[in-house]
Amino acid sequence: MVNKPAPDTTRRSEKSRRAIYDAALALVGEVGYPKTTVEGIAARAGVGKQTIYRWWPSKAAVLLEAFLDLSRQAAQEAGQEPYAIPDTGDLAADLKAVLRITVDQLLDPRFEVPSRALAAEGVVNEPLGRRFVTELLEPQLQLYVDRLRAAQDAGDVRAGVDPRIALELFVSPLAQRWLQHTGPISYDYTDTLVEYALHGIAPQPPRSA
């Protein structure tokens, strides 16, 4: 009797997990968060709903993890370690580099469509909005805080500046423009945000001869 090799459950689980991520993000972009269901995700992914409940307690948990995975993919495709802001010693260059990656991500239909659907739902669904801010957005913003604090230690940012407020000078305008379609987002736009944030908009004093 020929002994058949045991099935690779690790590979099978990873394939199912990937299919569930893709299904969840696709569905929320197509029908919105309220109409997205665990049953719908399972059917789209070709798995039983018990498989989803084995790994996640709710559709919100599925979507959160799917977004984190999508962010990791975007960082890897850009050739940057995920969840890290580089520290080359040049704060402006580092911030511009990360914001350019953010622009690419926001303009990528894989991210943009489901992200807009969830952003809209988060405005009227406070528990969902709060959860995504706490579990997805805040950890990302903390990376900016850490980089700005490192710049303070290096003397590149004034000691009394609150990093959590300072990061909003370039992160928040980008988010608003993207969410409300008040203007195009581009590398030139985010580079300018960094320049304005770091150097201000007041006239520069004349250089002494």
C-alpha atoms as a PDB file:
ATOM      1  CA  MET A   1       0.000   0.000   0.000  1.00  0.00           C
ATOM      2  CA  VAL A   2       1.389   3.387  -0.991  1.00  0.00           C
ATOM      3  CA  ASN A   3       1.543   5.881   1.815  1.00  0.00           C
ATOM      4  CA  LYS A   4       0.200   9.221   0.648  1.00  0.00           C
ATOM      5  CA  PRO A   5       1.889  12.298   2.067  1.00  0.00           C
ATOM      6  CA  ALA A   6      -0.144  14.137   4.655  1.00  0.00           C
ATOM      7  CA  PRO A   7      -1.765  17.329   3.340  1.00  0.00           C
ATOM      8  CA  ASP A   8       0.097  20.526   4.119  1.00  0.00           C
ATOM      9  CA  THR A   9      -2.405  22.240   6.399  1.00  0.00           C
ATOM     10  CA  THR A  10      -0.143  25.283   6.735  1.00  0.00           C
ATOM     11  CA  ARG A  11      -0.275  25.914   2.991  1.00  0.00           C
ATOM     12  CA  ARG A  12      -4.009  25.263   2.891  1.00  0.00           C
ATOM     13  CA  SER A  13      -4.640  27.636   5.786  1.00  0.00           C
ATOM     14  CA  GLU A  14      -2.539  30.389   4.243  1.00  0.00           C
ATOM     15  CA  LYS A  15      -4.327  30.007   0.898  1.00  0.00           C
ATOM     16  CA  SER A  16      -7.698  30.235   2.652  1.00  0.00           C
ATOM     17  CA  ARG A  17      -6.596  33.209   4.733  1.00  0.00           C
ATOM     18  CA  ARG A  18      -5.435  35.056   1.625  1.00  0.00           C
ATOM     19  CA  ALA A  19      -8.712  34.297  -0.149  1.00  0.00           C
ATOM     20  CA  ILE A  20     -10.654  35.634   2.846  1.00  0.00           C
ATOM     21  CA  TYR A  21      -8.618  38.865   2.906  1.00  0.00           C
ATOM     22  CA  ASP A  22      -9.243  39.421  -0.793  1.00  0.00           C
ATOM     23  CA  ALA A  23     -12.939  38.611  -0.502  1.00  0.00           C
ATOM     24  CA  ALA A  24     -13.492  40.906   2.473  1.00  0.00           C
ATOM     25  CA  LEU A  25     -11.783  43.893   0.848  1.00  0.00           C
ATOM     26  CA  ALA A  26     -13.546  43.326  -2.470  1.00  0.00           C
ATOM     27  CA  LEU A  27     -16.980  43.006  -0.900  1.00  0.00           C
ATOM     28  CA  VAL A  28     -16.759  46.063   1.329  1.00  0.00           C
ATOM     29  CA  GLY A  29     -15.709  48.094  -1.697  1.00  0.00           C
ATOM     30  CA  GLU A  30     -18.569  46.777  -3.816  1.00  0.00           C
ATOM     31  CA  VAL A  31     -21.515  46.766  -1.409  1.00  0.00           C
ATOM     32  CA  GLY A  32     -20.328  48.805   1.585  1.00  0.00           C
ATOM     33  CA  TYR A  33     -19.684  47.774   5.164  1.00  0.00           C
ATOM     34  CA  PRO A  34     -23.318  47.256   6.314  1.00  0.00           C
ATOM     35  CA  LYS A  35     -24.093  44.788   3.522  1.00  0.00           C
ATOM     36  CA  THR A  36     -20.826  42.913   3.879  1.00  0.00           C
ATOM     37  CA  THR A  37     -21.405  39.746   5.908  1.00  0.00           C
ATOM     38  CA  VAL A  38     -19.307  36.866   7.146  1.00  0.00           C
ATOM     39  CA  GLU A  39     -21.483  34.593   5.009  1.00  0.00           C
ATOM     40  CA  GLY A  40     -20.781  36.743   1.958  1.00  0.00           C
ATOM     41  CA  ILE A  41     -17.062  36.789   2.621  1.00  0.00           C
ATOM     42  CA  ALA A  42     -17.028  33.017   3.073  1.00  0.00           C
ATOM     43  CA  ALA A  43     -18.932  32.426  -0.169  1.00  0.00           C
ATOM     44  CA  ARG A  44     -16.675  34.788  -2.107  1.00  0.00           C
ATOM     45  CA  ALA A  45     -13.545  33.158  -0.654  1.00  0.00           C
ATOM     46  CA  GLY A  46     -14.803  29.635  -1.243  1.00  0.00           C
ATOM     47  CA  VAL A  47     -14.618  28.608   2.414  1.00  0.00           C
ATOM     48  CA  GLY A  48     -17.141  27.735   5.084  1.00  0.00           C
ATOM     49  CA  LYS A  49     -18.163  30.505   7.467  1.00  0.00           C
ATOM     50  CA  GLN A  50     -16.974  28.323  10.346  1.00  0.00           C
ATOM     51  CA  THR A  51     -13.464  28.738   8.921  1.00  0.00           C
ATOM     52  CA  ILE A  52     -13.761  32.493   9.311  1.00  0.00           C
ATOM     53  CA  TYR A  53     -15.149  32.272  12.829  1.00  0.00           C
ATOM     54  CA  ARG A  54     -12.303  29.934  13.746  1.00  0.00           C
ATOM     55  CA  TRP A  55      -9.850  32.754  13.066  1.00  0.00           C
ATOM     56  CA  TRP A  56     -11.843  35.958  13.637  1.00  0.00           C
ATOM     57  CA  PRO A  57     -14.726  36.939  15.939  1.00  0.00           C
ATOM     58  CA  SER A  58     -16.404  39.333  13.491  1.00  0.00           C
ATOM     59  CA  LYS A  59     -16.330  40.857  10.029  1.00  0.00           C
ATOM     60  CA  ALA A  60     -14.706  43.976  11.504  1.00  0.00           C
ATOM     61  CA  ALA A  61     -11.823  41.856  12.760  1.00  0.00           C
ATOM     62  CA  VAL A  62     -11.447  40.287   9.313  1.00  0.00           C
ATOM     63  CA  LEU A  63     -11.344  43.688   7.613  1.00  0.00           C
ATOM     64  CA  LEU A  64      -8.895  45.124  10.113  1.00  0.00           C
ATOM     65  CA  GLU A  65      -6.464  42.272   9.574  1.00  0.00           C
ATOM     66  CA  ALA A  66      -6.984  42.425   5.810  1.00  0.00           C
ATOM     67  CA  PHE A  67      -6.067  46.115   5.834  1.00  0.00           C
ATOM     68  CA  LEU A  68      -2.965  45.492   7.915  1.00  0.00           C
ATOM     69  CA  ASP A  69      -1.923  42.808   5.458  1.00  0.00           C
ATOM     70  CA  LEU A  70      -2.578  45.146   2.528  1.00  0.00           C
ATOM     71  CA  SER A  71      -0.393  47.801   4.160  1.00  0.00           C
ATOM     72  CA  ARG A  72       2.409  45.279   4.585  1.00  0.00           C
ATOM     73  CA  GLN A  73       2.144  44.312   0.926  1.00  0.00           C
ATOM     74  CA  ALA A  74       2.296  47.954  -0.160  1.00  0.00           C
ATOM     75  CA  ALA A  75       5.411  48.544   1.936  1.00  0.00           C
ATOM     76  CA  GLN A  76       7.101  45.430   0.580  1.00  0.00           C
ATOM     77  CA  GLU A  77       6.281  46.382  -3.009  1.00  0.00           C
ATOM     78  CA  ALA A  78       7.804  49.800  -2.355  1.00  0.00           C
ATOM     79  CA  GLY A  79      10.972  48.135  -1.063  1.00  0.00           C
ATOM     80  CA  GLN A  80      10.491  49.414   2.464  1.00  0.00           C
ATOM     81  CA  GLU A  81      10.194  47.485   5.686  1.00  0.00           C
ATOM     82  CA  PRO A  82       6.574  47.555   6.882  1.00  0.00           C
ATOM     83  CA  TYR A  83       5.673  49.605   9.917  1.00  0.00           C
ATOM     84  CA  ALA A  84       8.877  51.596   9.880  1.00  0.00           C
ATOM     85  CA  ILE A  85       9.829  55.143   8.969  1.00  0.00           C
ATOM     86  CA  PRO A  86      13.447  55.336   7.866  1.00  0.00           C
ATOM     87  CA  ASP A  87      15.931  57.352   9.882  1.00  0.00           C
ATOM     88  CA  THR A  88      18.659  58.399   7.483  1.00  0.00           C
ATOM     89  CA  GLY A  89      19.464  61.531   9.461  1.00  0.00           C
ATOM     90  CA  ASP A  90      17.529  63.659   6.960  1.00  0.00           C
ATOM     91  CA  LEU A  91      14.066  64.187   8.465  1.00  0.00           C
ATOM     92  CA  ALA A  92      12.569  65.928   5.431  1.00  0.00           C
ATOM     93  CA  ALA A  93      13.741  63.206   3.045  1.00  0.00           C
ATOM     94  CA  ASP A  94      12.474  60.455   5.331  1.00  0.00           C
ATOM     95  CA  LEU A  95       9.021  62.002   5.699  1.00  0.00           C
ATOM     96  CA  LYS A  96       8.757  62.669   1.973  1.00  0.00           C
ATOM     97  CA  ALA A  97       9.681  59.070   1.198  1.00  0.00           C
ATOM     98  CA  VAL A  98       7.026  57.640   3.512  1.00  0.00           C
ATOM     99  CA  LEU A  99       4.331  60.036   2.299  1.00  0.00           C
ATOM    100  CA  ARG A 100       5.114  59.121  -1.315  1.00  0.00           C
ATOM    101  CA  ILE A 101       4.450  55.488  -0.425  1.00  0.00           C
ATOM    102  CA  THR A 102       1.212  56.623   1.204  1.00  0.00           C
ATOM    103  CA  VAL A 103       0.199  58.425  -2.003  1.00  0.00           C
ATOM    104  CA  ASP A 104       0.835  55.241  -3.996  1.00  0.00           C
ATOM    105  CA  GLN A 105      -1.290  53.289  -1.555  1.00  0.00           C
ATOM    106  CA  LEU A 106      -4.161  55.780  -1.544  1.00  0.00           C
ATOM    107  CA  LEU A 107      -4.265  55.780  -5.344  1.00  0.00           C
ATOM    108  CA  ASP A 108      -4.106  51.983  -5.609  1.00  0.00           C
ATOM    109  CA  PRO A 109      -7.640  50.708  -6.373  1.00  0.00           C
ATOM    110  CA  ARG A 110      -6.975  47.647  -4.199  1.00  0.00           C
ATOM    111  CA  PHE A 111      -6.738  49.975  -1.222  1.00  0.00           C
ATOM    112  CA  GLU A 112      -8.741  53.002  -2.272  1.00  0.00           C
ATOM    113  CA  VAL A 113     -12.115  51.389  -2.952  1.00  0.00           C
ATOM    114  CA  PRO A 114     -12.537  49.444   0.310  1.00  0.00           C
ATOM    115  CA  SER A 115     -10.823  52.175   2.306  1.00  0.00           C
ATOM    116  CA  ARG A 116     -13.306  54.808   1.144  1.00  0.00           C
ATOM    117  CA  ALA A 117     -16.202  52.502   1.965  1.00  0.00           C
ATOM    118  CA  LEU A 118     -14.917  51.943   5.486  1.00  0.00           C
ATOM    119  CA  ALA A 119     -14.048  55.606   6.013  1.00  0.00           C
ATOM    120  CA  ALA A 120     -17.598  56.580   5.091  1.00  0.00           C
ATOM    121  CA  GLU A 121     -19.078  53.939   7.389  1.00  0.00           C
ATOM    122  CA  GLY A 122     -16.808  55.022  10.225  1.00  0.00           C
ATOM    123  CA  VAL A 123     -18.386  58.488  10.186  1.00  0.00           C
ATOM    124  CA  VAL A 124     -21.868  57.158  10.974  1.00  0.00           C
ATOM    125  CA  ASN A 125     -20.857  53.981  12.792  1.00  0.00           C
ATOM    126  CA  GLU A 126     -18.965  55.318  15.797  1.00  0.00           C
ATOM    127  CA  PRO A 127     -17.887  51.952  17.281  1.00  0.00           C
ATOM    128  CA  LEU A 128     -16.450  50.859  13.932  1.00  0.00           C
ATOM    129  CA  GLY A 129     -14.768  54.216  13.360  1.00  0.00           C
ATOM    130  CA  ARG A 130     -13.263  54.202  16.846  1.00  0.00           C
ATOM    131  CA  ARG A 131     -11.979  50.655  16.446  1.00  0.00           C
ATOM    132  CA  PHE A 132     -10.288  51.335  13.132  1.00  0.00           C
ATOM    133  CA  VAL A 133      -8.718  54.521  14.487  1.00  0.00           C
ATOM    134  CA  THR A 134      -7.461  52.759  17.597  1.00  0.00           C
ATOM    135  CA  GLU A 135      -6.264  49.534  16.014  1.00  0.00           C
ATOM    136  CA  LEU A 136      -5.203  50.637  12.530  1.00  0.00           C
ATOM    137  CA  LEU A 137      -4.585  54.382  12.328  1.00  0.00           C
ATOM    138  CA  GLU A 138      -3.024  55.160  15.698  1.00  0.00           C
ATOM    139  CA  PRO A 139      -0.238  52.545  15.431  1.00  0.00           C
ATOM    140  CA  GLN A 140       0.718  54.062  12.088  1.00  0.00           C
ATOM    141  CA  LEU A 141       0.668  57.603  13.476  1.00  0.00           C
ATOM    142  CA  GLN A 142       2.852  56.460  16.362  1.00  0.00           C
ATOM    143  CA  LEU A 143       5.593  55.745  13.825  1.00  0.00           C
ATOM    144  CA  TYR A 144       5.616  59.436  12.907  1.00  0.00           C
ATOM    145  CA  VAL A 145       5.733  60.344  16.596  1.00  0.00           C
ATOM    146  CA  ASP A 146       8.744  58.086  17.090  1.00  0.00           C
ATOM    147  CA  ARG A 147      10.560  59.537  14.063  1.00  0.00           C
ATOM    148  CA  LEU A 148       9.882  63.130  15.149  1.00  0.00           C
ATOM    149  CA  ARG A 149      11.097  62.372  18.663  1.00  0.00           C
ATOM    150  CA  ALA A 150      14.291  60.941  17.219  1.00  0.00           C
ATOM    151  CA  ALA A 151      14.665  64.176  15.258  1.00  0.00           C
ATOM    152  CA  GLN A 152      14.207  66.139  18.478  1.00  0.00           C
ATOM    153  CA  ASP A 153      16.955  64.106  20.109  1.00  0.00           C
ATOM    154  CA  ALA A 154      19.180  64.918  17.134  1.00  0.00           C
ATOM    155  CA  GLY A 155      18.390  68.638  17.409  1.00  0.00           C
ATOM    156  CA  ASP A 156      16.499  68.756  14.100  1.00  0.00           C
ATOM    157  CA  VAL A 157      13.134  69.604  15.718  1.00  0.00           C
ATOM    158  CA  ARG A 158      12.540  72.181  18.443  1.00  0.00           C
ATOM    159  CA  ALA A 159      12.481  70.585  21.889  1.00  0.00           C
ATOM    160  CA  GLY A 160       9.087  71.992  22.887  1.00  0.00           C
ATOM    161  CA  VAL A 161       7.224  70.667  19.826  1.00  0.00           C
ATOM    162  CA  ASP A 162       4.539  68.051  20.487  1.00  0.00           C
ATOM    163  CA  PRO A 163       5.202  65.320  17.872  1.00  0.00           C
ATOM    164  CA  ARG A 164       1.597  64.109  17.953  1.00  0.00           C
ATOM    165  CA  ILE A 165       0.358  67.552  16.919  1.00  0.00           C
ATOM    166  CA  ALA A 166       3.225  68.194  14.525  1.00  0.00           C
ATOM    167  CA  LEU A 167       2.555  65.098  12.433  1.00  0.00           C
ATOM    168  CA  GLU A 168      -0.945  66.390  11.695  1.00  0.00           C
ATOM    169  CA  LEU A 169       0.602  69.235   9.705  1.00  0.00           C
ATOM    170  CA  PHE A 170       1.358  66.833   6.863  1.00  0.00           C
ATOM    171  CA  VAL A 171      -0.756  63.729   7.540  1.00  0.00           C
ATOM    172  CA  SER A 172      -4.145  65.390   8.077  1.00  0.00           C
ATOM    173  CA  PRO A 173      -4.156  67.603   4.946  1.00  0.00           C
ATOM    174  CA  LEU A 174      -3.337  64.574   2.820  1.00  0.00           C
ATOM    175  CA  ALA A 175      -6.161  62.553   4.381  1.00  0.00           C
ATOM    176  CA  GLN A 176      -8.651  65.400   3.964  1.00  0.00           C
ATOM    177  CA  ARG A 177      -7.767  66.027   0.330  1.00  0.00           C
ATOM    178  CA  TRP A 178      -8.048  62.323  -0.444  1.00  0.00           C
ATOM    179  CA  LEU A 179     -11.307  61.776   1.440  1.00  0.00           C
ATOM    180  CA  GLN A 180     -13.108  64.892   0.231  1.00  0.00           C
ATOM    181  CA  HIS A 181     -11.644  65.147  -3.286  1.00  0.00           C
ATOM    182  CA  THR A 182     -10.631  68.759  -2.655  1.00  0.00           C
ATOM    183  CA  GLY A 183      -7.656  68.377  -4.952  1.00  0.00           C
ATOM    184  CA  PRO A 184      -5.305  65.831  -6.489  1.00  0.00           C
ATOM    185  CA  ILE A 185      -2.769  64.020  -4.344  1.00  0.00           C
ATOM    186  CA  SER A 186       0.726  63.583  -5.700  1.00  0.00           C
ATOM    187  CA  TYR A 187       4.381  63.412  -4.709  1.00  0.00           C
ATOM    188  CA  ASP A 188       4.709  67.164  -5.316  1.00  0.00           C
ATOM    189  CA  TYR A 189       1.790  67.786  -2.974  1.00  0.00           C
ATOM    190  CA  THR A 190       3.144  65.711  -0.090  1.00  0.00           C
ATOM    191  CA  ASP A 191       6.688  67.049  -0.609  1.00  0.00           C
ATOM    192  CA  THR A 192       5.242  70.551  -0.272  1.00  0.00           C
ATOM    193  CA  LEU A 193       3.349  69.598   2.888  1.00  0.00           C
ATOM    194  CA  VAL A 194       6.605  68.454   4.462  1.00  0.00           C
ATOM    195  CA  GLU A 195       8.405  71.640   3.438  1.00  0.00           C
ATOM    196  CA  TYR A 196       5.636  73.818   4.869  1.00  0.00           C
ATOM    197  CA  ALA A 197       5.443  71.760   8.061  1.00  0.00           C
ATOM    198  CA  LEU A 198       9.179  71.808   8.723  1.00  0.00           C
ATOM    199  CA  HIS A 199       9.983  75.331   7.558  1.00  0.00           C
ATOM    200  CA  GLY A 200       6.729  77.266   7.929  1.00  0.00           C
ATOM    201  CA  ILE A 201       5.180  79.763   5.562  1.00  0.00           C
ATOM    202  CA  ALA A 202       6.392  83.015   7.125  1.00  0.00           C
ATOM    203  CA  PRO A 203       8.913  85.066   5.152  1.00  0.00           C
ATOM    204  CA  GLN A 204      12.469  83.945   5.791  1.00  0.00           C
ATOM    205  CA  PRO A 205      14.762  86.586   7.293  1.00  0.00           C
ATOM    206  CA  PRO A 206      17.335  87.906   4.815  1.00  0.00           C
ATOM    207  CA  ARG A 207      20.707  86.289   5.035  1.00  0.00           C
ATOM    208  CA  SER A 208      23.474  88.474   6.316  1.00  0.00           C
ATOM    209  CA  ALA A 209      26.171  89.237   3.830  1.00  0.00           C
END
